[in-house]
Amino acid sequence: METSKKIIVETTVKAPVEKVWEYWTEPSHITKWNAASEDWHTPYAENDLKVGGKFLSRMEAKDGSFGFDFGGVYDDVRVNEFIAYSLEDGRKVTITFIPQGEETKVIESFDPENSNPIEMQEAGWQAILENFKKYTNNSK
C-alpha cells in the first residue's frame, strides 16, 4: 500500500516552550515518556541534537517479549521551534513547537510505513504524544 499522505498528530502541553523542548530532546526525559501504552517502555535513549546528529531510542515491551530500535538522523534543528529528521528507512518526520503563552502546541508530521494500517500508526504516535503531554504537565 503506497501512500504519499503524511500523518499528522498534535497536542497542547501546559508548559512553556523551553520546558517542552527540553523534555522532548533530553534522553533522561525521553526514557520516561516515550511509550504508546503502559506495557511498553524506553529503557535507553541517546540524542545528538544537531544537523547530521543521530538519535536512538530502544522501545521494548515490559515483559521482554518484543522490542525495537527507533533511530535516525537530524535534517534540521531550530531550538524551541522545529525538528526534522530522517528515519533509517528513509521516511521523514517533522515536529513543530508553537508557543502559546504558558502552553505549547506540538505538531508531528510523518511519512507512514507500509506494514501497519494508517489508523494504527496515527493512534500509536498520538498515544506517545499524549504520554509526553501527561509527563510534561505533571513534572515540576
Foldseek 3Di string as FASTA:
>chain_A
DDDPDKFKAKDKAQAFLLLLLCLVAPFVNCQVQQFLDPQKTWPGKDHDPDAQTKIWTWIAGNVRPDIDIWMFGWHDDDPSAKTWTATPVGKIKMWGWDGDDRMIMIMMIIDDDDPDDPVVVNSRVNSSVVSSRVSSNPDD
